[in-house]
Amino acid sequence: MHAWEAIQKSLNFIESNLGEDIDIEQLAKESALSPFYYQRLFSRLVKKPVREYMKLRRLACACESLADKHRRILDIALDCGFGSHETFTRAFKDAYKMTPEEYRKQPVMLNQFDKPDLLLNYTMIDEGVPLISDGLVLEFNRKKLLQPILFMGVTGIIPIEGQMPLGEATGVDMPGQVWENFHQEKQLIPRIEGGHELGVAYLGDVPEGYFTYFAGAEVAQGIDDSRFVKWELPAREYIVCGFEAENFEQLVTVAINKAVKYSGLWLEKHGLTMDVYSPEMYYDSSPESSYMELWMPVSEKC
């Protein structure tokens, strides 16, 4: 067994036992490693100490349960492995800057520390070859866009803190709020029938430590409306990472975080560098599957 496989085995064990009392010795035994070496290896591969990781995954578990307002917050805390209401509230506020009670009254999308899929760090695929791993199917292909595509929508100025790195930062999902604003207004946009929706992060004219996030719908060239912002996908060659997940919620959280991380590794291994924007192209979802693409403008490394 490779070292990363041993840690992945313990990650699977943690995920299946979040509500239980888990000790380091038990996890080390599960991984066939000494407690000392297990903790060092875990921190290096997961980028968090074991106990901190377990706390963050328990918080993610609790956030799902808080949507059920018939359940007491104390019961949720205990079911997700927290010893008391006070311990849970303190951990929740540290991660999300609000209490569980405040979140329940005014729910917002939250960034979570995802369960890592370490296989993606040690597997490399060629163009046109699908990769299937832990509920994610992705594939890379080159596409040449002959004509630019125009999108119209809304933007938000987003602080980097609490948003990056994807799948590791905790806090309010600020791009998610931009999407909520877009969906409230999109009936006013003269969208192309059968067109796509797009999200993209770019610097724009923002203070240091922030970025601009755009969410919009495809419109015909020449369309203008002062109520909305326009963004154009340039005509050029792209590496497109297409991926699908079991449902839309998984697609726009865990799946996209994994796809972005793996795309960085994939481009590096193939001697490519990416420009400063990487649009997310959304397709219609169905109960059977949800699919989207990352369009990455790339160039050969010098």
Protein backbone atom coordinates (compact mmCIF):
# COMPACT_ATOMS: atom_id res chain seq x y z
CA MET A 1 0.00 0.00 0.00
CA HIS A 2 1.30 3.48 -0.90
CA ALA A 3 1.53 6.04 1.89
CA TRP A 4 -1.27 8.14 0.39
CA GLU A 5 -3.51 5.07 0.20
CA ALA A 6 -3.01 4.50 3.92
CA ILE A 7 -4.10 8.06 4.67
CA GLN A 8 -7.05 7.81 2.26
CA LYS A 9 -8.17 4.70 4.10
CA SER A 10 -8.22 6.65 7.36
CA LEU A 11 -10.07 9.55 5.68
CA ASN A 12 -12.77 7.09 4.63
CA PHE A 13 -12.92 5.76 8.19
CA ILE A 14 -13.28 9.26 9.64
CA GLU A 15 -16.07 10.12 7.19
CA SER A 16 -18.01 7.00 8.16
CA ASN A 17 -17.63 7.66 11.89
CA LEU A 18 -17.95 11.43 12.33
CA GLY A 19 -20.47 10.99 15.13
CA GLU A 20 -18.20 8.67 17.10
CA ASP A 21 -15.27 9.32 19.43
CA ILE A 22 -12.22 8.71 17.20
CA ASP A 23 -8.69 8.63 18.62
CA ILE A 24 -5.35 8.94 16.85
CA GLU A 25 -4.20 5.44 17.83
CA GLN A 26 -7.30 3.95 16.21
CA LEU A 27 -6.68 5.86 12.98
CA ALA A 28 -3.00 4.96 12.93
CA LYS A 29 -3.91 1.30 13.35
CA GLU A 30 -6.45 1.60 10.53
CA SER A 31 -3.62 2.94 8.33
CA ALA A 32 -1.04 0.37 9.51
CA LEU A 33 1.26 3.21 10.65
CA SER A 34 2.71 4.32 13.97
CA PRO A 35 0.78 7.20 15.61
CA PHE A 36 3.78 9.51 15.19
CA TYR A 37 4.32 8.78 11.50
CA TYR A 38 0.58 8.74 10.81
CA GLN A 39 0.10 12.27 12.15
CA ARG A 40 3.09 13.64 10.23
CA LEU A 41 1.98 12.01 6.98
CA PHE A 42 -1.63 13.08 7.47
CA SER A 43 -0.69 16.74 7.99
CA ARG A 44 1.55 16.71 4.92
CA LEU A 45 -1.03 15.17 2.58
CA VAL A 46 -4.24 16.73 3.95
CA LYS A 47 -2.68 20.09 4.95
CA LYS A 48 -4.41 20.00 8.33
CA PRO A 49 -3.65 18.25 11.64
CA VAL A 50 -5.86 15.22 12.24
CA ARG A 51 -8.02 16.72 14.98
CA GLU A 52 -8.51 19.99 13.10
CA TYR A 53 -9.57 18.04 10.01
CA MET A 54 -12.09 15.98 12.00
CA LYS A 55 -13.57 19.15 13.49
CA LEU A 56 -14.00 20.72 10.03
CA ARG A 57 -15.65 17.62 8.59
CA ARG A 58 -17.98 17.43 11.60
CA LEU A 59 -18.94 21.05 10.98
CA ALA A 60 -19.73 20.20 7.35
CA CYS A 61 -21.91 17.33 8.58
CA ALA A 62 -23.69 19.64 11.02
CA CYS A 63 -24.38 22.29 8.37
CA GLU A 64 -26.39 19.77 6.34
CA SER A 65 -28.44 18.81 9.40
CA LEU A 66 -29.16 22.40 10.48
CA ALA A 67 -31.48 22.74 7.47
CA ASP A 68 -33.92 20.50 9.35
CA LYS A 69 -35.47 23.02 11.75
CA HIS A 70 -37.37 20.29 13.57
CA ARG A 71 -34.12 19.01 15.07
CA ARG A 72 -32.58 20.63 18.15
CA ILE A 73 -29.15 22.16 17.65
CA LEU A 74 -27.82 20.24 20.66
CA ASP A 75 -28.91 16.93 19.11
CA ILE A 76 -27.21 17.84 15.83
CA ALA A 77 -24.02 18.78 17.68
CA LEU A 78 -23.93 15.46 19.53
CA ASP A 79 -24.79 13.42 16.43
CA CYS A 80 -21.91 15.05 14.53
CA GLY A 81 -19.33 14.30 17.21
CA PHE A 82 -19.26 17.48 19.29
CA GLY A 83 -19.27 17.00 23.05
CA SER A 84 -21.56 19.91 23.92
CA HIS A 85 -23.59 22.80 22.52
CA GLU A 86 -20.87 25.23 23.66
CA THR A 87 -18.07 23.34 21.91
CA PHE A 88 -20.11 23.16 18.72
CA THR A 89 -21.06 26.85 18.78
CA ARG A 90 -17.46 27.94 19.35
CA ALA A 91 -16.16 25.78 16.48
CA PHE A 92 -18.98 26.94 14.18
CA LYS A 93 -18.35 30.62 14.89
CA ASP A 94 -14.59 30.22 14.40
CA ALA A 95 -15.16 28.67 10.97
CA TYR A 96 -18.10 30.67 9.61
CA LYS A 97 -18.15 33.91 11.70
CA MET A 98 -21.73 33.24 12.82
CA THR A 99 -23.46 30.99 15.35
CA PRO A 100 -25.50 27.90 14.39
CA GLU A 101 -28.63 29.78 15.52
CA GLU A 102 -27.83 32.72 13.23
CA TYR A 103 -27.14 30.38 10.31
CA ARG A 104 -30.42 28.55 10.86
CA LYS A 105 -32.39 31.83 10.90
CA GLN A 106 -30.68 33.19 7.77
CA PRO A 107 -29.15 30.28 5.83
CA VAL A 108 -26.44 31.09 3.27
CA MET A 109 -24.14 28.94 1.17
CA LEU A 110 -21.00 28.04 3.14
CA ASN A 111 -17.55 26.92 2.03
CA GLN A 112 -16.49 23.64 3.64
CA PHE A 113 -13.25 21.76 4.03
CA ASP A 114 -13.93 18.88 1.64
CA LYS A 115 -12.93 15.30 2.22
CA PRO A 116 -9.73 14.97 0.11
CA ASP A 117 -9.49 12.53 -2.77
CA LEU A 118 -5.76 11.83 -2.64
CA LEU A 119 -5.88 9.59 -5.72
CA LEU A 120 -6.13 12.75 -7.85
CA ASN A 121 -2.65 13.82 -6.72
CA TYR A 122 -1.09 10.58 -7.99
CA THR A 123 -3.02 9.82 -11.19
CA MET A 124 -2.45 11.47 -14.57
CA ILE A 125 -4.65 11.01 -17.66
CA ASP A 126 -4.25 11.94 -21.33
CA GLU A 127 -6.59 14.14 -23.35
CA GLY A 128 -9.87 12.43 -24.15
CA VAL A 129 -9.48 9.80 -21.42
CA PRO A 130 -12.08 9.96 -18.62
CA LEU A 131 -11.05 9.68 -14.97
CA ILE A 132 -13.51 8.26 -12.46
CA SER A 133 -12.80 8.85 -8.78
CA ASP A 134 -14.98 9.02 -5.65
CA GLY A 135 -18.20 10.23 -7.29
CA LEU A 136 -16.46 12.43 -9.88
CA VAL A 137 -16.05 11.80 -13.62
CA LEU A 138 -13.82 14.24 -15.51
CA GLU A 139 -12.13 14.50 -18.90
CA PHE A 140 -9.81 16.98 -20.65
CA ASN A 141 -10.12 18.00 -24.31
CA ARG A 142 -8.89 20.84 -26.52
CA LYS A 143 -11.52 23.10 -28.04
CA LYS A 144 -11.05 26.02 -30.43
CA LEU A 145 -13.61 28.77 -30.08
CA LEU A 146 -13.92 30.48 -33.48
CA GLN A 147 -16.21 33.32 -32.38
CA PRO A 148 -16.36 35.05 -28.99
CA ILE A 149 -19.38 34.34 -26.79
CA LEU A 150 -21.06 37.21 -24.94
CA PHE A 151 -22.59 36.86 -21.48
CA MET A 152 -24.65 39.34 -19.47
CA GLY A 153 -25.15 39.22 -15.72
CA VAL A 154 -24.04 40.56 -12.36
CA THR A 155 -20.76 40.85 -10.46
CA GLY A 156 -19.57 40.94 -6.87
CA ILE A 157 -16.31 42.02 -5.24
CA ILE A 158 -15.09 39.03 -3.25
CA PRO A 159 -12.42 38.85 -0.50
CA ILE A 160 -9.87 36.12 -1.15
CA GLU A 161 -9.83 35.23 2.55
CA GLY A 162 -12.47 32.61 3.27
CA GLN A 163 -12.72 31.58 -0.41
CA MET A 164 -9.26 30.20 -1.23
CA PRO A 165 -7.92 27.56 -1.46
CA LEU A 166 -11.04 25.92 -2.89
CA GLY A 167 -12.24 23.01 -0.78
CA GLU A 168 -10.02 24.04 2.13
CA ALA A 169 -11.24 27.50 3.21
CA THR A 170 -14.29 27.92 5.44
CA GLY A 171 -16.69 30.85 5.50
CA VAL A 172 -19.64 32.25 3.58
CA ASP A 173 -19.60 31.24 -0.10
CA MET A 174 -19.49 34.74 -1.60
CA PRO A 175 -19.54 33.65 -5.29
CA GLY A 176 -22.62 31.62 -4.34
CA GLN A 177 -24.29 34.86 -3.27
CA VAL A 178 -23.46 36.42 -6.65
CA TRP A 179 -25.23 33.47 -8.29
CA GLU A 180 -28.26 34.02 -6.04
CA ASN A 181 -28.38 37.66 -7.16
CA PHE A 182 -28.11 36.56 -10.79
CA HIS A 183 -30.96 34.05 -10.50
CA GLN A 184 -33.19 36.75 -8.98
CA GLU A 185 -32.55 39.01 -11.99
CA LYS A 186 -31.96 36.68 -14.93
CA GLN A 187 -35.54 36.80 -16.21
CA LEU A 188 -34.77 40.42 -17.19
CA ILE A 189 -31.80 39.35 -19.36
CA PRO A 190 -32.51 38.64 -23.08
CA ARG A 191 -30.95 35.19 -22.92
CA ILE A 192 -30.28 33.06 -26.00
CA GLU A 193 -32.63 30.07 -26.08
CA GLY A 194 -30.58 27.00 -25.24
CA GLY A 195 -27.62 29.18 -24.23
CA HIS A 196 -25.35 28.48 -21.30
CA GLU A 197 -24.70 30.20 -18.00
CA LEU A 198 -21.18 31.14 -16.96
CA GLY A 199 -19.27 32.10 -13.84
CA VAL A 200 -15.77 33.55 -13.86
CA ALA A 201 -13.35 35.05 -11.35
CA TYR A 202 -10.98 37.79 -12.48
CA LEU A 203 -9.14 40.69 -10.88
CA GLY A 204 -10.90 43.72 -12.34
CA ASP A 205 -10.66 47.11 -10.62
CA VAL A 206 -10.68 45.89 -7.01
CA PRO A 207 -8.59 46.51 -3.87
CA GLU A 208 -5.67 44.22 -3.02
CA GLY A 209 -6.86 40.97 -1.43
CA TYR A 210 -10.09 40.89 -3.47
CA PHE A 211 -11.27 39.63 -6.86
CA THR A 212 -14.29 40.18 -9.08
CA TYR A 213 -16.76 37.34 -9.69
CA PHE A 214 -19.20 37.44 -12.62
CA ALA A 215 -22.29 35.25 -13.07
CA GLY A 216 -24.26 35.58 -16.27
CA ALA A 217 -26.20 34.10 -19.17
CA GLU A 218 -25.35 33.84 -22.86
CA VAL A 219 -26.75 36.68 -25.00
CA ALA A 220 -26.47 37.71 -28.66
CA GLN A 221 -23.64 39.98 -29.76
CA GLY A 222 -24.63 43.65 -29.74
CA ILE A 223 -27.08 43.31 -26.85
CA ASP A 224 -26.76 46.07 -24.25
CA ASP A 225 -28.51 46.82 -20.95
CA SER A 226 -27.11 49.30 -18.43
CA ARG A 227 -28.64 47.33 -15.55
CA PHE A 228 -26.23 44.45 -16.14
CA VAL A 229 -22.54 43.74 -16.67
CA LYS A 230 -21.17 42.08 -19.82
CA TRP A 231 -18.29 39.60 -20.05
CA GLU A 232 -16.96 38.05 -23.25
CA LEU A 233 -15.34 34.64 -23.64
CA PRO A 234 -12.59 35.33 -26.21
CA ALA A 235 -12.18 33.34 -29.42
CA ARG A 236 -9.07 31.17 -28.99
CA GLU A 237 -7.99 27.63 -28.08
CA TYR A 238 -8.90 26.24 -24.68
CA ILE A 239 -8.26 23.16 -22.62
CA VAL A 240 -11.73 22.18 -21.42
CA CYS A 241 -12.15 20.09 -18.29
CA GLY A 242 -15.63 18.57 -18.43
CA PHE A 243 -16.90 16.86 -15.30
CA GLU A 244 -20.09 15.49 -13.85
CA ALA A 245 -21.38 14.62 -10.42
CA GLU A 246 -24.36 12.79 -8.95
CA ASN A 247 -26.38 15.98 -8.37
CA PHE A 248 -26.13 19.74 -8.84
CA GLU A 249 -25.22 20.47 -5.22
CA GLN A 250 -22.26 18.08 -5.43
CA LEU A 251 -21.33 19.56 -8.82
CA VAL A 252 -20.99 23.16 -7.58
CA THR A 253 -19.22 22.30 -4.32
CA VAL A 254 -17.04 19.21 -3.94
CA ALA A 255 -16.82 18.33 -7.66
CA ILE A 256 -15.77 21.76 -8.90
CA ASN A 257 -13.23 22.10 -6.08
CA LYS A 258 -11.66 18.77 -7.06
CA ALA A 259 -11.74 19.64 -10.77
CA VAL A 260 -10.00 22.99 -10.23
CA LYS A 261 -7.26 21.42 -8.11
CA TYR A 262 -6.71 18.53 -10.50
CA SER A 263 -6.69 20.88 -13.50
CA GLY A 264 -3.74 22.74 -12.00
CA LEU A 265 -1.79 19.50 -11.66
CA TRP A 266 -2.82 18.34 -15.13
CA LEU A 267 -1.69 21.54 -16.84
CA GLU A 268 1.64 21.48 -15.02
CA LYS A 269 2.32 17.87 -16.01
CA HIS A 270 1.51 18.70 -19.63
CA GLY A 271 3.82 21.73 -19.73
CA LEU A 272 1.00 24.29 -19.93
CA THR A 273 0.28 27.52 -18.08
CA MET A 274 -3.14 29.14 -17.68
CA ASP A 275 -4.14 32.77 -18.10
CA VAL A 276 -5.66 34.69 -15.19
CA TYR A 277 -9.26 33.62 -15.85
CA SER A 278 -10.88 30.18 -16.03
CA PRO A 279 -14.63 30.35 -16.74
CA GLU A 280 -17.11 27.80 -15.41
CA MET A 281 -19.61 26.86 -18.14
CA TYR A 282 -22.90 25.46 -16.81
CA TYR A 283 -25.16 23.07 -18.69
CA ASP A 284 -28.72 22.00 -17.90
CA SER A 285 -28.84 19.46 -15.09
CA SER A 286 -31.20 16.52 -14.74
CA PRO A 287 -32.05 14.15 -11.87
CA GLU A 288 -29.78 11.59 -13.54
CA SER A 289 -26.63 13.72 -13.78
CA SER A 290 -25.18 17.22 -13.53
CA TYR A 291 -22.44 18.43 -15.87
CA MET A 292 -20.27 21.52 -16.30
CA GLU A 293 -16.95 22.57 -17.84
CA LEU A 294 -13.90 24.63 -16.92
CA TRP A 295 -12.62 26.53 -19.97
CA MET A 296 -8.91 27.16 -19.45
CA PRO A 297 -7.03 29.49 -21.82
CA VAL A 298 -3.52 28.04 -21.88
CA SER A 299 -0.12 28.49 -23.46
CA GLU A 300 3.02 26.39 -23.61
CA LYS A 301 5.50 26.93 -20.80
CA CYS A 302 8.52 28.94 -21.88
